[in-house]
Amino acid sequence: MASPQPDVALELRPDQPPPDRPTPERLRWETAVAVGTMAVGAGVGWGAIDIPSEAGYGGVGANFLPWVVAAALVLFGALMLVEARTGGFRQMERPLGSERPDWMAFVWVSAGLLLNWVLIEHIGFLLSCTLTYLLAVQGLRRAYGQRHDTWVRDLLSGLALSAPVYWFFTQFLAISLPGLTRTGWI
């Protein structure tokens, strides 16, 4: 099935590639994203070297998931690099939202991540991850122009997601995570 023809003819300049081919600048950015993804994967792998590999209750060590994430990031970064260097990200949909970055949304999400890093040892895994979720969701809601007066719902959702993750790591994988009390649940 042929795509519908636009009502207005596209005006092409000599220095502009045809509309079905990405610009050289876009190809450079796509290449940078692919290389950056592989670099993050290598960084995660570098960090996983220091994590002990003794098997816990579930038969896998604490470094299992970081190695899986590292391998996946390097693999998908390499696939993205091949795609970028052979004509660009061809299956990429047009992005939603504004053409310009929403810096306040970036600040909200970044604050959530940084506060988790700073507070996890002081208030425990469960509360710091709940706070991270709350701030990240608030930032994303603002970026998409959605209602953001949903603090209580987002807080409870974050708690509902953090608790099973905490249980999985502490009970199934036998990995000690920071807690606020001796019971380990907060």
N, C-alpha and C. Protein backbone atom coordinates (compact mmCIF):
# COMPACT_ATOMS: atom_id res chain seq x y z
N MET A 1 0.84 -1.17 0.00
CA MET A 1 0.00 0.00 0.00
C MET A 1 0.89 1.24 0.00
N ALA A 2 0.63 2.13 -0.92
CA ALA A 2 1.45 3.34 -1.05
C ALA A 2 1.05 4.35 0.00
N SER A 3 2.03 5.09 0.45
CA SER A 3 1.73 6.13 1.44
C SER A 3 1.09 7.31 0.74
N PRO A 4 0.21 8.03 1.44
CA PRO A 4 -0.46 9.17 0.80
C PRO A 4 0.54 10.27 0.47
N GLN A 5 0.32 10.93 -0.64
CA GLN A 5 1.19 12.01 -1.08
C GLN A 5 0.82 13.29 -0.35
N PRO A 6 1.81 14.05 0.08
CA PRO A 6 1.49 15.32 0.74
C PRO A 6 0.86 16.30 -0.23
N ASP A 7 0.06 17.22 0.32
CA ASP A 7 -0.61 18.22 -0.49
C ASP A 7 0.38 19.25 -1.04
N VAL A 8 1.45 19.48 -0.28
CA VAL A 8 2.43 20.48 -0.67
C VAL A 8 3.71 19.77 -1.11
N ALA A 9 4.24 20.17 -2.24
CA ALA A 9 5.48 19.56 -2.72
C ALA A 9 6.63 19.99 -1.81
N LEU A 10 7.53 19.05 -1.52
CA LEU A 10 8.69 19.35 -0.69
C LEU A 10 9.69 20.14 -1.50
N GLU A 11 10.20 21.20 -0.92
CA GLU A 11 11.19 22.00 -1.59
C GLU A 11 12.56 21.54 -1.12
N LEU A 12 13.36 20.99 -2.02
CA LEU A 12 14.68 20.48 -1.67
C LEU A 12 15.75 21.46 -2.12
N ARG A 13 16.69 21.71 -1.21
CA ARG A 13 17.84 22.52 -1.55
C ARG A 13 18.95 21.57 -2.00
N PRO A 14 19.92 22.06 -2.75
CA PRO A 14 21.01 21.18 -3.22
C PRO A 14 21.82 20.58 -2.07
N ASP A 15 21.93 21.27 -0.94
CA ASP A 15 22.72 20.74 0.16
C ASP A 15 21.91 19.85 1.11
N GLN A 16 20.66 19.60 0.75
CA GLN A 16 19.77 18.82 1.61
C GLN A 16 19.53 17.44 0.98
N PRO A 17 19.70 16.34 1.77
CA PRO A 17 19.46 15.02 1.21
C PRO A 17 17.96 14.80 0.97
N PRO A 18 17.60 13.83 0.16
CA PRO A 18 16.17 13.53 -0.05
C PRO A 18 15.50 13.21 1.28
N PRO A 19 14.17 13.37 1.39
CA PRO A 19 13.48 13.19 2.66
C PRO A 19 13.57 11.77 3.22
N ASP A 20 13.81 10.77 2.40
CA ASP A 20 13.88 9.40 2.90
C ASP A 20 15.26 9.04 3.42
N ARG A 21 16.24 9.94 3.29
CA ARG A 21 17.60 9.68 3.77
C ARG A 21 17.92 10.64 4.91
N PRO A 22 18.51 10.13 5.99
CA PRO A 22 18.84 11.02 7.11
C PRO A 22 20.00 11.96 6.76
N THR A 23 20.02 13.08 7.42
CA THR A 23 21.09 14.04 7.22
C THR A 23 22.39 13.51 7.84
N PRO A 24 23.54 14.00 7.38
CA PRO A 24 24.81 13.58 8.00
C PRO A 24 24.86 13.91 9.49
N GLU A 25 24.28 15.03 9.88
CA GLU A 25 24.26 15.39 11.31
C GLU A 25 23.47 14.35 12.11
N ARG A 26 22.33 13.93 11.58
CA ARG A 26 21.52 12.91 12.27
C ARG A 26 22.29 11.60 12.38
N LEU A 27 22.99 11.22 11.30
CA LEU A 27 23.78 9.99 11.34
C LEU A 27 24.89 10.08 12.39
N ARG A 28 25.49 11.27 12.54
CA ARG A 28 26.52 11.44 13.58
C ARG A 28 25.92 11.28 14.97
N TRP A 29 24.74 11.87 15.18
CA TRP A 29 24.09 11.75 16.48
C TRP A 29 23.69 10.30 16.76
N GLU A 30 23.18 9.61 15.77
CA GLU A 30 22.80 8.21 15.96
C GLU A 30 24.02 7.36 16.26
N THR A 31 25.13 7.65 15.60
CA THR A 31 26.38 6.94 15.89
C THR A 31 26.83 7.24 17.31
N ALA A 32 26.72 8.48 17.72
CA ALA A 32 27.12 8.86 19.09
C ALA A 32 26.25 8.15 20.12
N VAL A 33 24.96 8.02 19.87
CA VAL A 33 24.07 7.30 20.79
C VAL A 33 24.48 5.84 20.88
N ALA A 34 24.80 5.22 19.74
CA ALA A 34 25.20 3.81 19.74
C ALA A 34 26.51 3.62 20.50
N VAL A 35 27.48 4.47 20.24
CA VAL A 35 28.78 4.36 20.92
C VAL A 35 28.59 4.64 22.42
N GLY A 36 27.76 5.61 22.75
CA GLY A 36 27.48 5.91 24.15
C GLY A 36 26.83 4.73 24.87
N THR A 37 25.93 4.05 24.20
CA THR A 37 25.28 2.87 24.78
C THR A 37 26.30 1.78 25.06
N MET A 38 27.21 1.56 24.12
CA MET A 38 28.25 0.55 24.34
C MET A 38 29.19 0.99 25.47
N ALA A 39 29.47 2.27 25.57
CA ALA A 39 30.35 2.76 26.64
C ALA A 39 29.69 2.58 28.01
N VAL A 40 28.40 2.83 28.10
CA VAL A 40 27.69 2.60 29.36
C VAL A 40 27.74 1.11 29.71
N GLY A 41 27.54 0.25 28.71
CA GLY A 41 27.64 -1.19 28.95
C GLY A 41 29.02 -1.59 29.44
N ALA A 42 30.06 -1.01 28.85
CA ALA A 42 31.42 -1.31 29.30
C ALA A 42 31.63 -0.80 30.73
N GLY A 43 31.06 0.35 31.05
CA GLY A 43 31.17 0.88 32.40
C GLY A 43 30.47 0.00 33.43
N VAL A 44 29.29 -0.50 33.07
CA VAL A 44 28.58 -1.41 33.97
C VAL A 44 29.39 -2.68 34.16
N GLY A 45 29.99 -3.20 33.09
CA GLY A 45 30.84 -4.39 33.20
C GLY A 45 32.06 -4.13 34.07
N TRP A 46 32.66 -2.95 33.91
CA TRP A 46 33.82 -2.58 34.72
C TRP A 46 33.43 -2.55 36.20
N GLY A 47 32.25 -2.00 36.49
CA GLY A 47 31.78 -1.95 37.87
C GLY A 47 31.43 -3.32 38.42
N ALA A 48 30.97 -4.23 37.55
CA ALA A 48 30.59 -5.57 37.99
C ALA A 48 31.80 -6.41 38.38
N ILE A 49 32.98 -6.01 37.94
CA ILE A 49 34.19 -6.77 38.30
C ILE A 49 34.38 -6.80 39.81
N ASP A 50 34.06 -5.72 40.50
CA ASP A 50 34.27 -5.62 41.94
C ASP A 50 33.16 -6.25 42.77
N ILE A 51 32.08 -6.68 42.14
CA ILE A 51 30.96 -7.27 42.88
C ILE A 51 31.27 -8.75 43.12
N PRO A 52 31.09 -9.23 44.35
CA PRO A 52 31.40 -10.64 44.63
C PRO A 52 30.50 -11.58 43.82
N SER A 53 31.06 -12.70 43.43
CA SER A 53 30.32 -13.64 42.59
C SER A 53 29.85 -14.88 43.32
N GLU A 54 29.99 -14.92 44.64
CA GLU A 54 29.54 -16.09 45.37
C GLU A 54 28.05 -16.27 45.17
N ALA A 55 27.65 -17.51 44.91
CA ALA A 55 26.24 -17.82 44.65
C ALA A 55 25.43 -17.68 45.93
N GLY A 56 24.27 -17.07 45.80
CA GLY A 56 23.36 -16.92 46.92
C GLY A 56 22.34 -18.05 46.92
N TYR A 57 21.22 -17.80 47.56
CA TYR A 57 20.17 -18.80 47.70
C TYR A 57 19.65 -19.27 46.35
N GLY A 58 19.52 -18.37 45.41
CA GLY A 58 18.98 -18.70 44.09
C GLY A 58 19.99 -19.33 43.15
N GLY A 59 21.24 -19.50 43.58
CA GLY A 59 22.25 -20.14 42.74
C GLY A 59 23.04 -19.18 41.87
N VAL A 60 22.71 -17.91 41.93
CA VAL A 60 23.46 -16.92 41.16
C VAL A 60 24.06 -15.91 42.12
N GLY A 61 25.15 -15.33 41.73
CA GLY A 61 25.83 -14.35 42.58
C GLY A 61 25.28 -12.96 42.38
N ALA A 62 25.76 -12.06 43.21
CA ALA A 62 25.32 -10.67 43.16
C ALA A 62 25.74 -9.98 41.87
N ASN A 63 26.76 -10.51 41.20
CA ASN A 63 27.22 -9.85 39.98
C ASN A 63 26.52 -10.37 38.73
N PHE A 64 25.58 -11.28 38.85
CA PHE A 64 24.92 -11.86 37.69
C PHE A 64 24.14 -10.81 36.89
N LEU A 65 23.24 -10.08 37.56
CA LEU A 65 22.42 -9.11 36.84
C LEU A 65 23.24 -7.96 36.24
N PRO A 66 24.24 -7.42 36.95
CA PRO A 66 25.06 -6.39 36.29
C PRO A 66 25.75 -6.89 35.03
N TRP A 67 26.20 -8.14 35.04
CA TRP A 67 26.84 -8.68 33.84
C TRP A 67 25.84 -8.85 32.71
N VAL A 68 24.61 -9.27 33.03
CA VAL A 68 23.58 -9.39 32.00
C VAL A 68 23.27 -8.03 31.40
N VAL A 69 23.12 -7.02 32.26
CA VAL A 69 22.84 -5.66 31.78
C VAL A 69 24.00 -5.14 30.93
N ALA A 70 25.23 -5.37 31.39
CA ALA A 70 26.40 -4.91 30.63
C ALA A 70 26.45 -5.56 29.25
N ALA A 71 26.25 -6.87 29.22
CA ALA A 71 26.29 -7.58 27.93
C ALA A 71 25.17 -7.09 27.00
N ALA A 72 23.98 -6.89 27.55
CA ALA A 72 22.85 -6.43 26.73
C ALA A 72 23.13 -5.02 26.18
N LEU A 73 23.66 -4.14 27.00
CA LEU A 73 23.96 -2.78 26.53
C LEU A 73 25.01 -2.79 25.43
N VAL A 74 26.06 -3.58 25.60
CA VAL A 74 27.10 -3.65 24.57
C VAL A 74 26.53 -4.25 23.29
N LEU A 75 25.75 -5.33 23.41
CA LEU A 75 25.18 -5.98 22.22
C LEU A 75 24.23 -5.03 21.49
N PHE A 76 23.30 -4.42 22.21
CA PHE A 76 22.34 -3.54 21.54
C PHE A 76 23.01 -2.27 21.04
N GLY A 77 24.02 -1.78 21.73
CA GLY A 77 24.78 -0.64 21.22
C GLY A 77 25.47 -0.98 19.90
N ALA A 78 26.02 -2.20 19.82
CA ALA A 78 26.68 -2.64 18.58
C ALA A 78 25.65 -2.75 17.45
N LEU A 79 24.48 -3.28 17.74
CA LEU A 79 23.43 -3.38 16.72
C LEU A 79 22.97 -1.98 16.27
N MET A 80 22.88 -1.05 17.22
CA MET A 80 22.52 0.32 16.87
C MET A 80 23.61 0.97 16.02
N LEU A 81 24.87 0.65 16.31
CA LEU A 81 25.97 1.21 15.53
C LEU A 81 25.91 0.71 14.09
N VAL A 82 25.65 -0.56 13.91
CA VAL A 82 25.51 -1.11 12.56
C VAL A 82 24.37 -0.39 11.84
N GLU A 83 23.25 -0.23 12.53
CA GLU A 83 22.09 0.45 11.93
C GLU A 83 22.43 1.90 11.58
N ALA A 84 23.11 2.60 12.49
CA ALA A 84 23.45 4.01 12.25
C ALA A 84 24.41 4.16 11.08
N ARG A 85 25.37 3.27 10.96
CA ARG A 85 26.38 3.39 9.92
C ARG A 85 25.93 2.84 8.58
N THR A 86 24.79 2.16 8.52
CA THR A 86 24.30 1.62 7.25
C THR A 86 23.02 2.31 6.80
N GLY A 87 22.84 3.57 7.19
CA GLY A 87 21.69 4.31 6.69
C GLY A 87 20.82 4.94 7.76
N GLY A 88 21.16 4.80 9.00
CA GLY A 88 20.39 5.44 10.06
C GLY A 88 19.37 4.52 10.68
N PHE A 89 18.79 4.99 11.78
CA PHE A 89 17.77 4.23 12.49
C PHE A 89 16.50 4.25 11.64
N ARG A 90 16.31 3.25 10.83
CA ARG A 90 15.23 3.25 9.85
C ARG A 90 13.84 3.01 10.44
N GLN A 91 13.74 2.28 11.53
CA GLN A 91 12.44 1.96 12.07
C GLN A 91 12.03 2.88 13.21
N MET A 92 12.76 3.98 13.40
CA MET A 92 12.48 4.88 14.50
C MET A 92 11.25 5.73 14.20
N GLU A 93 10.33 5.76 15.17
CA GLU A 93 9.13 6.57 15.01
C GLU A 93 9.44 8.01 15.35
N ARG A 94 8.60 8.88 14.89
CA ARG A 94 8.74 10.30 15.23
C ARG A 94 8.54 10.45 16.73
N PRO A 95 9.43 11.19 17.39
CA PRO A 95 9.32 11.31 18.85
C PRO A 95 8.08 12.09 19.27
N LEU A 96 7.53 11.71 20.41
CA LEU A 96 6.39 12.42 20.97
C LEU A 96 6.90 13.65 21.72
N GLY A 97 6.03 14.58 21.91
CA GLY A 97 6.40 15.73 22.72
C GLY A 97 7.02 16.84 21.90
N SER A 98 7.70 17.70 22.59
CA SER A 98 8.27 18.90 22.01
C SER A 98 9.53 18.58 21.21
N GLU A 99 9.86 19.46 20.30
CA GLU A 99 11.09 19.32 19.53
C GLU A 99 12.30 19.70 20.37
N ARG A 100 12.10 20.53 21.39
CA ARG A 100 13.19 20.97 22.25
C ARG A 100 13.15 20.19 23.56
N PRO A 101 14.30 20.02 24.20
CA PRO A 101 14.33 19.29 25.48
C PRO A 101 13.56 20.04 26.56
N ASP A 102 12.94 19.28 27.43
CA ASP A 102 12.24 19.84 28.58
C ASP A 102 13.18 19.75 29.76
N TRP A 103 13.87 20.84 30.06
CA TRP A 103 14.92 20.83 31.07
C TRP A 103 14.37 20.61 32.47
N MET A 104 13.19 21.10 32.76
CA MET A 104 12.63 20.89 34.10
C MET A 104 12.31 19.41 34.32
N ALA A 105 11.81 18.74 33.30
CA ALA A 105 11.56 17.29 33.43
C ALA A 105 12.88 16.57 33.65
N PHE A 106 13.91 17.00 32.96
CA PHE A 106 15.25 16.41 33.14
C PHE A 106 15.72 16.61 34.58
N VAL A 107 15.47 17.78 35.13
CA VAL A 107 15.87 18.07 36.52
C VAL A 107 15.13 17.16 37.48
N TRP A 108 13.83 16.96 37.28
CA TRP A 108 13.05 16.09 38.17
C TRP A 108 13.59 14.66 38.15
N VAL A 109 13.80 14.11 36.95
CA VAL A 109 14.29 12.73 36.83
C VAL A 109 15.71 12.62 37.40
N SER A 110 16.55 13.57 37.08
CA SER A 110 17.93 13.56 37.60
C SER A 110 17.95 13.66 39.12
N ALA A 111 17.10 14.51 39.67
CA ALA A 111 17.03 14.65 41.12
C ALA A 111 16.64 13.33 41.76
N GLY A 112 15.71 12.61 41.16
CA GLY A 112 15.33 11.30 41.69
C GLY A 112 16.49 10.34 41.71
N LEU A 113 17.25 10.29 40.63
CA LEU A 113 18.39 9.38 40.55
C LEU A 113 19.49 9.77 41.53
N LEU A 114 19.79 11.05 41.60
CA LEU A 114 20.85 11.51 42.49
C LEU A 114 20.47 11.35 43.96
N LEU A 115 19.21 11.63 44.29
CA LEU A 115 18.78 11.45 45.68
C LEU A 115 18.83 9.98 46.09
N ASN A 116 18.51 9.09 45.18
CA ASN A 116 18.61 7.66 45.48
C ASN A 116 20.05 7.32 45.83
N TRP A 117 20.96 7.80 45.03
CA TRP A 117 22.39 7.54 45.25
C TRP A 117 22.84 8.07 46.60
N VAL A 118 22.37 9.26 46.97
CA VAL A 118 22.80 9.90 48.21
C VAL A 118 22.09 9.29 49.43
N LEU A 119 20.80 8.96 49.30
CA LEU A 119 20.00 8.59 50.46
C LEU A 119 19.87 7.10 50.74
N ILE A 120 20.24 6.24 49.82
CA ILE A 120 19.98 4.82 49.98
C ILE A 120 20.60 4.24 51.25
N GLU A 121 21.76 4.71 51.63
CA GLU A 121 22.42 4.23 52.84
C GLU A 121 21.79 4.81 54.11
N HIS A 122 21.08 5.92 53.98
CA HIS A 122 20.53 6.61 55.16
C HIS A 122 19.07 6.27 55.42
N ILE A 123 18.28 6.12 54.37
CA ILE A 123 16.85 5.84 54.58
C ILE A 123 16.46 4.45 54.07
N GLY A 124 17.39 3.71 53.52
CA GLY A 124 17.12 2.35 53.08
C GLY A 124 16.68 2.26 51.62
N PHE A 125 16.79 1.05 51.10
CA PHE A 125 16.47 0.77 49.71
C PHE A 125 15.02 1.10 49.38
N LEU A 126 14.11 0.62 50.19
CA LEU A 126 12.69 0.76 49.90
C LEU A 126 12.26 2.23 49.78
N LEU A 127 12.62 3.04 50.75
CA LEU A 127 12.22 4.44 50.72
C LEU A 127 12.96 5.24 49.65
N SER A 128 14.25 4.96 49.45
CA SER A 128 14.99 5.73 48.44
C SER A 128 14.52 5.39 47.03
N CYS A 129 14.20 4.13 46.78
CA CYS A 129 13.70 3.76 45.44
C CYS A 129 12.30 4.29 45.21
N THR A 130 11.48 4.32 46.27
CA THR A 130 10.14 4.90 46.15
C THR A 130 10.25 6.39 45.81
N LEU A 131 11.16 7.09 46.46
CA LEU A 131 11.38 8.51 46.17
C LEU A 131 11.87 8.70 44.74
N THR A 132 12.77 7.84 44.29
CA THR A 132 13.27 7.93 42.92
C THR A 132 12.12 7.77 41.93
N TYR A 133 11.28 6.78 42.15
CA TYR A 133 10.13 6.55 41.26
C TYR A 133 9.21 7.77 41.26
N LEU A 134 8.91 8.28 42.44
CA LEU A 134 8.02 9.43 42.56
C LEU A 134 8.54 10.62 41.76
N LEU A 135 9.79 10.96 41.93
CA LEU A 135 10.35 12.14 41.24
C LEU A 135 10.47 11.91 39.74
N ALA A 136 10.86 10.70 39.34
CA ALA A 136 10.97 10.41 37.90
C ALA A 136 9.60 10.48 37.22
N VAL A 137 8.58 9.90 37.84
CA VAL A 137 7.25 9.93 37.24
C VAL A 137 6.72 11.36 37.18
N GLN A 138 6.97 12.14 38.22
CA GLN A 138 6.54 13.53 38.20
C GLN A 138 7.22 14.29 37.05
N GLY A 139 8.50 14.04 36.85
CA GLY A 139 9.21 14.69 35.74
C GLY A 139 8.66 14.28 34.39
N LEU A 140 8.40 12.99 34.22
CA LEU A 140 7.87 12.51 32.93
C LEU A 140 6.46 13.02 32.68
N ARG A 141 5.65 13.10 33.73
CA ARG A 141 4.30 13.66 33.57
C ARG A 141 4.39 15.11 33.08
N ARG A 142 5.30 15.86 33.66
CA ARG A 142 5.46 17.26 33.25
C ARG A 142 5.96 17.36 31.81
N ALA A 143 6.85 16.47 31.42
CA ALA A 143 7.39 16.50 30.06
C ALA A 143 6.31 16.25 29.02
N TYR A 144 5.34 15.40 29.36
CA TYR A 144 4.28 15.08 28.41
C TYR A 144 3.03 15.93 28.61
N GLY A 145 3.11 16.93 29.50
CA GLY A 145 1.99 17.82 29.71
C GLY A 145 0.81 17.16 30.40
N GLN A 146 1.06 16.10 31.15
CA GLN A 146 -0.02 15.40 31.86
C GLN A 146 -0.24 16.03 33.23
N ARG A 147 -1.36 15.67 33.84
CA ARG A 147 -1.62 16.10 35.20
C ARG A 147 -0.50 15.58 36.09
N HIS A 148 -0.05 16.43 36.98
CA HIS A 148 1.01 15.99 37.89
C HIS A 148 0.64 16.23 39.34
N ASP A 149 -0.66 16.28 39.62
CA ASP A 149 -1.12 16.39 41.00
C ASP A 149 -1.45 14.99 41.55
N THR A 150 -0.61 14.04 41.18
CA THR A 150 -0.84 12.63 41.51
C THR A 150 0.20 12.11 42.50
N TRP A 151 0.63 12.96 43.41
CA TRP A 151 1.71 12.61 44.33
C TRP A 151 1.43 11.34 45.13
N VAL A 152 0.24 11.24 45.70
CA VAL A 152 -0.08 10.09 46.56
C VAL A 152 -0.10 8.81 45.73
N ARG A 153 -0.75 8.86 44.57
CA ARG A 153 -0.81 7.68 43.72
C ARG A 153 0.58 7.27 43.25
N ASP A 154 1.41 8.23 42.88
CA ASP A 154 2.77 7.91 42.44
C ASP A 154 3.62 7.37 43.58
N LEU A 155 3.42 7.90 44.78
CA LEU A 155 4.14 7.41 45.95
C LEU A 155 3.77 5.95 46.24
N LEU A 156 2.47 5.65 46.21
CA LEU A 156 2.02 4.28 46.48
C LEU A 156 2.47 3.33 45.36
N SER A 157 2.46 3.81 44.12
CA SER A 157 2.94 2.97 43.01
C SER A 157 4.42 2.67 43.15
N GLY A 158 5.19 3.67 43.53
CA GLY A 158 6.62 3.47 43.75
C GLY A 158 6.88 2.47 44.85
N LEU A 159 6.11 2.56 45.92
CA LEU A 159 6.25 1.62 47.03
C LEU A 159 5.86 0.21 46.59
N ALA A 160 4.79 0.12 45.80
CA ALA A 160 4.33 -1.19 45.31
C ALA A 160 5.35 -1.83 44.36
N LEU A 161 6.13 -1.03 43.66
CA LEU A 161 7.17 -1.58 42.78
C LEU A 161 8.46 -1.87 43.54
N SER A 162 8.80 -1.03 44.51
CA SER A 162 10.07 -1.19 45.23
C SER A 162 10.04 -2.39 46.18
N ALA A 163 8.92 -2.64 46.83
CA ALA A 163 8.84 -3.72 47.81
C ALA A 163 9.13 -5.09 47.21
N PRO A 164 8.51 -5.46 46.08
CA PRO A 164 8.85 -6.78 45.51
C PRO A 164 10.30 -6.87 45.03
N VAL A 165 10.85 -5.77 44.53
CA VAL A 165 12.26 -5.78 44.10
C VAL A 165 13.15 -6.02 45.31
N TYR A 166 12.84 -5.32 46.40
CA TYR A 166 13.61 -5.50 47.63
C TYR A 166 13.52 -6.95 48.10
N TRP A 167 12.31 -7.49 48.11
CA TRP A 167 12.11 -8.88 48.54
C TRP A 167 12.88 -9.83 47.63
N PHE A 168 12.82 -9.63 46.32
CA PHE A 168 13.51 -10.51 45.38
C PHE A 168 15.01 -10.54 45.65
N PHE A 169 15.60 -9.37 45.83
CA PHE A 169 17.04 -9.32 46.05
C PHE A 169 17.43 -9.90 47.41
N THR A 170 16.68 -9.56 48.44
CA THR A 170 17.08 -10.02 49.78
C THR A 170 16.71 -11.47 50.05
N GLN A 171 15.57 -11.92 49.59
CA GLN A 171 15.10 -13.27 49.91
C GLN A 171 15.51 -14.30 48.87
N PHE A 172 15.36 -13.98 47.59
CA PHE A 172 15.64 -14.96 46.54
C PHE A 172 17.13 -15.00 46.19
N LEU A 173 17.74 -13.84 46.04
CA LEU A 173 19.16 -13.79 45.67
C LEU A 173 20.10 -13.69 46.87
N ALA A 174 19.53 -13.51 48.06
CA ALA A 174 20.30 -13.41 49.31
C ALA A 174 21.35 -12.29 49.23
N ILE A 175 20.93 -11.15 48.66
CA ILE A 175 21.79 -9.98 48.56
C ILE A 175 21.35 -8.99 49.62
N SER A 176 22.27 -8.54 50.42
CA SER A 176 21.97 -7.59 51.47
C SER A 176 21.84 -6.19 50.88
N LEU A 177 20.67 -5.58 51.10
CA LEU A 177 20.44 -4.21 50.65
C LEU A 177 20.28 -3.31 51.87
N PRO A 178 20.60 -2.03 51.73
CA PRO A 178 20.50 -1.12 52.87
C PRO A 178 19.06 -1.02 53.38
N GLY A 179 18.92 -1.10 54.69
CA GLY A 179 17.62 -0.95 55.32
C GLY A 179 17.70 0.04 56.45
N LEU A 180 16.55 0.55 56.85
CA LEU A 180 16.50 1.52 57.92
C LEU A 180 16.32 0.85 59.28
N THR A 181 15.71 -0.33 59.29
CA THR A 181 15.48 -1.06 60.53
C THR A 181 16.19 -2.42 60.47
N ARG A 182 16.23 -3.09 61.59
CA ARG A 182 16.86 -4.42 61.63
C ARG A 182 16.03 -5.48 60.92
N THR A 183 14.73 -5.25 60.80
CA THR A 183 13.89 -6.22 60.10
C THR A 183 14.22 -6.24 58.62
N GLY A 184 14.77 -5.16 58.11
CA GLY A 184 15.19 -5.12 56.72
C GLY A 184 14.10 -4.68 55.76
N TRP A 185 12.88 -4.43 56.23
CA TRP A 185 11.81 -4.06 55.30
C TRP A 185 11.74 -2.56 55.05
N ILE A 186 12.35 -1.79 55.88
CA ILE A 186 12.37 -0.34 55.63
C ILE A 186 13.81 0.12 55.66
